[in-house]
Amino acid sequence: MRRYLAVGLDAYLCLLAVGLLVRSCLHAGGTGGAIALLFVQLIALSFANQVLLTLAFRASAGKLIMGVRVIRLPDAGRPGFRLLVLRWLYGLLWLPRQPWRRLRGPAAPSGPERPPGRPAEPYEDLAGIRQVRHSDLRSYRAAVLGRTD
């Protein structure tokens, strides 16, 4: 549930920021220019939030608010720039098509099989990055280092 709320917060914050920038776009030379400028700003804000902020703090703005962190599998390390860009591109290009593919495609297979290209676990994405609660990450680090808090 936290993950979905974090995604919703990320989308809301990005749209809010772009909405605040609309005034500067209105004088961009017509409707087409304003829409193009808004689109570029939305992509730039999405990249900054999902890649640069996650690179710096292990979480986007919505994930920071919800207490969720992003880790690299299998060692629970900090994801690198390349993985974060790949994850952002998947979210931008692959995820929006999924409802359409499910509506047009055959019914989901029953049983333990999963469709190809789909993550194995609900908290893992296609780039090999997992989202975990910040408190669970602290507990994991303490257990690995042999400390108890």
Protein backbone atom coordinates (compact mmCIF):
# COMPACT_ATOMS: atom_id res chain seq x y z
CA MET A 1 0.00 0.00 0.00
CA ARG A 2 2.85 2.39 0.84
CA ARG A 3 4.34 1.82 -2.59
CA TYR A 4 1.14 2.78 -4.40
CA LEU A 5 0.70 5.86 -2.22
CA ALA A 6 4.31 6.83 -2.96
CA VAL A 7 3.70 6.52 -6.71
CA GLY A 8 0.54 8.60 -6.38
CA LEU A 9 2.41 11.25 -4.41
CA ASP A 10 5.19 11.31 -7.01
CA ALA A 11 2.66 11.81 -9.80
CA TYR A 12 0.78 14.47 -7.85
CA LEU A 13 3.94 16.41 -6.95
CA CYS A 14 5.22 16.29 -10.52
CA LEU A 15 1.90 17.46 -11.95
CA LEU A 16 1.64 20.15 -9.27
CA ALA A 17 5.10 21.47 -10.17
CA VAL A 18 4.27 21.47 -13.87
CA GLY A 19 0.94 23.12 -13.12
CA LEU A 20 2.77 25.91 -11.33
CA LEU A 21 4.99 26.32 -14.40
CA VAL A 22 2.03 26.62 -16.78
CA ARG A 23 2.04 30.40 -16.55
CA SER A 24 5.52 30.54 -18.07
CA CYS A 25 4.37 28.22 -20.87
CA LEU A 26 1.33 30.27 -21.86
CA HIS A 27 3.54 32.84 -23.56
CA ALA A 28 5.52 30.20 -25.49
CA GLY A 29 3.95 31.03 -28.83
CA GLY A 30 0.61 29.32 -29.26
CA THR A 31 -1.04 26.18 -28.00
CA GLY A 32 1.40 23.80 -29.69
CA GLY A 33 4.41 25.53 -28.17
CA ALA A 34 2.82 25.59 -24.72
CA ILE A 35 1.96 21.88 -24.86
CA ALA A 36 5.47 21.00 -26.07
CA LEU A 37 7.05 23.09 -23.31
CA LEU A 38 4.80 21.51 -20.66
CA PHE A 39 5.69 18.03 -21.95
CA VAL A 40 9.42 18.78 -21.78
CA GLN A 41 9.05 20.16 -18.25
CA LEU A 42 7.06 17.11 -17.16
CA ILE A 43 9.72 14.73 -18.52
CA ALA A 44 12.54 16.76 -16.92
CA LEU A 45 10.81 16.84 -13.52
CA SER A 46 10.05 13.13 -13.74
CA PHE A 47 13.71 12.37 -14.52
CA ALA A 48 14.94 14.60 -11.69
CA ASN A 49 12.55 12.99 -9.21
CA GLN A 50 12.89 9.36 -10.26
CA VAL A 51 16.60 9.26 -11.16
CA LEU A 52 18.56 12.12 -9.61
CA LEU A 53 16.70 12.29 -6.29
CA THR A 54 16.73 8.50 -6.00
CA LEU A 55 20.44 8.45 -6.76
CA ALA A 56 21.08 10.96 -3.98
CA PHE A 57 18.64 9.76 -1.30
CA ARG A 58 17.58 6.23 -2.36
CA ALA A 59 14.02 7.47 -2.82
CA SER A 60 11.93 9.81 -4.90
CA ALA A 61 9.93 12.57 -3.20
CA GLY A 62 6.84 10.39 -2.71
CA LYS A 63 8.91 7.50 -1.39
CA LEU A 64 10.70 9.79 1.05
CA ILE A 65 7.35 10.96 2.41
CA MET A 66 6.03 7.37 2.69
CA GLY A 67 9.23 5.94 4.22
CA VAL A 68 10.11 3.69 1.27
CA ARG A 69 13.65 3.23 -0.05
CA VAL A 70 14.97 1.78 -3.31
CA ILE A 71 17.69 -0.88 -3.16
CA ARG A 72 19.62 -2.92 -5.70
CA LEU A 73 19.21 -6.67 -5.62
CA PRO A 74 20.67 -9.05 -4.45
CA ASP A 75 23.01 -7.16 -2.08
CA ALA A 76 20.65 -4.39 -0.89
CA GLY A 77 23.14 -1.79 -2.12
CA ARG A 78 22.57 1.63 -3.61
CA PRO A 79 21.34 1.41 -7.23
CA GLY A 80 23.58 3.03 -9.82
CA PHE A 81 22.72 5.69 -12.36
CA ARG A 82 22.32 3.21 -15.24
CA LEU A 83 19.85 1.04 -13.31
CA LEU A 84 17.85 4.07 -12.23
CA VAL A 85 17.64 5.40 -15.79
CA LEU A 86 16.54 1.94 -17.00
CA ARG A 87 13.92 1.82 -14.24
CA TRP A 88 12.69 5.31 -15.16
CA LEU A 89 12.41 4.37 -18.84
CA TYR A 90 10.47 1.21 -17.95
CA GLY A 91 8.09 3.29 -15.88
CA LEU A 92 7.73 5.85 -18.62
CA LEU A 93 7.38 3.51 -21.61
CA TRP A 94 6.48 0.01 -20.39
CA LEU A 95 4.10 0.47 -17.46
CA PRO A 96 1.51 2.74 -19.14
CA ARG A 97 0.95 0.08 -21.82
CA GLN A 98 0.13 -2.70 -19.35
CA PRO A 99 -3.59 -2.00 -18.87
CA TRP A 100 -3.98 -1.87 -22.65
CA ARG A 101 -2.07 -5.15 -23.10
CA ARG A 102 -4.20 -6.86 -20.45
CA LEU A 103 -7.41 -5.70 -22.10
CA ARG A 104 -6.33 -6.88 -25.54
CA GLY A 105 -4.38 -9.99 -24.51
CA PRO A 106 -5.57 -13.42 -23.41
CA ALA A 107 -6.67 -14.05 -19.86
CA ALA A 108 -3.92 -14.38 -17.27
CA PRO A 109 -2.64 -17.94 -16.86
CA SER A 110 -3.75 -19.75 -13.77
CA GLY A 111 -1.25 -21.40 -11.51
CA PRO A 112 2.29 -20.45 -10.51
CA GLU A 113 3.37 -19.40 -14.02
CA ARG A 114 3.81 -15.74 -14.66
CA PRO A 115 3.76 -13.89 -17.99
CA PRO A 116 7.20 -13.15 -19.48
CA GLY A 117 8.66 -9.76 -18.70
CA ARG A 118 6.69 -9.43 -15.49
CA PRO A 119 8.51 -9.01 -12.16
CA ALA A 120 8.66 -12.07 -9.91
CA GLU A 121 7.60 -10.21 -6.78
CA PRO A 122 5.22 -7.27 -6.37
CA TYR A 123 7.94 -5.04 -4.87
CA GLU A 124 10.57 -5.81 -7.53
CA ASP A 125 10.70 -4.09 -10.87
CA LEU A 126 12.20 -5.02 -14.23
CA ALA A 127 15.53 -3.31 -13.58
CA GLY A 128 16.36 -5.55 -10.59
CA ILE A 129 15.57 -2.86 -8.05
CA ARG A 130 13.37 -3.44 -5.04
CA GLN A 131 11.39 -1.03 -2.89
CA VAL A 132 11.52 -1.64 0.86
CA ARG A 133 10.45 0.21 3.96
CA HIS A 134 13.18 2.37 5.45
CA SER A 135 12.81 0.73 8.87
CA ASP A 136 13.27 -2.73 7.31
CA LEU A 137 16.43 -1.53 5.57
CA ARG A 138 17.84 -0.25 8.87
CA SER A 139 17.05 -3.58 10.55
CA TYR A 140 18.73 -5.46 7.72
CA ARG A 141 21.87 -3.33 7.96
CA ALA A 142 22.02 -3.80 11.74
CA ALA A 143 21.68 -7.58 11.33
CA VAL A 144 24.40 -7.71 8.68
CA LEU A 145 26.79 -5.66 10.81
CA GLY A 146 25.97 -7.78 13.87
CA ARG A 147 24.49 -4.96 15.87
CA THR A 148 21.23 -4.98 17.79
CA ASP A 149 19.32 -1.78 18.49
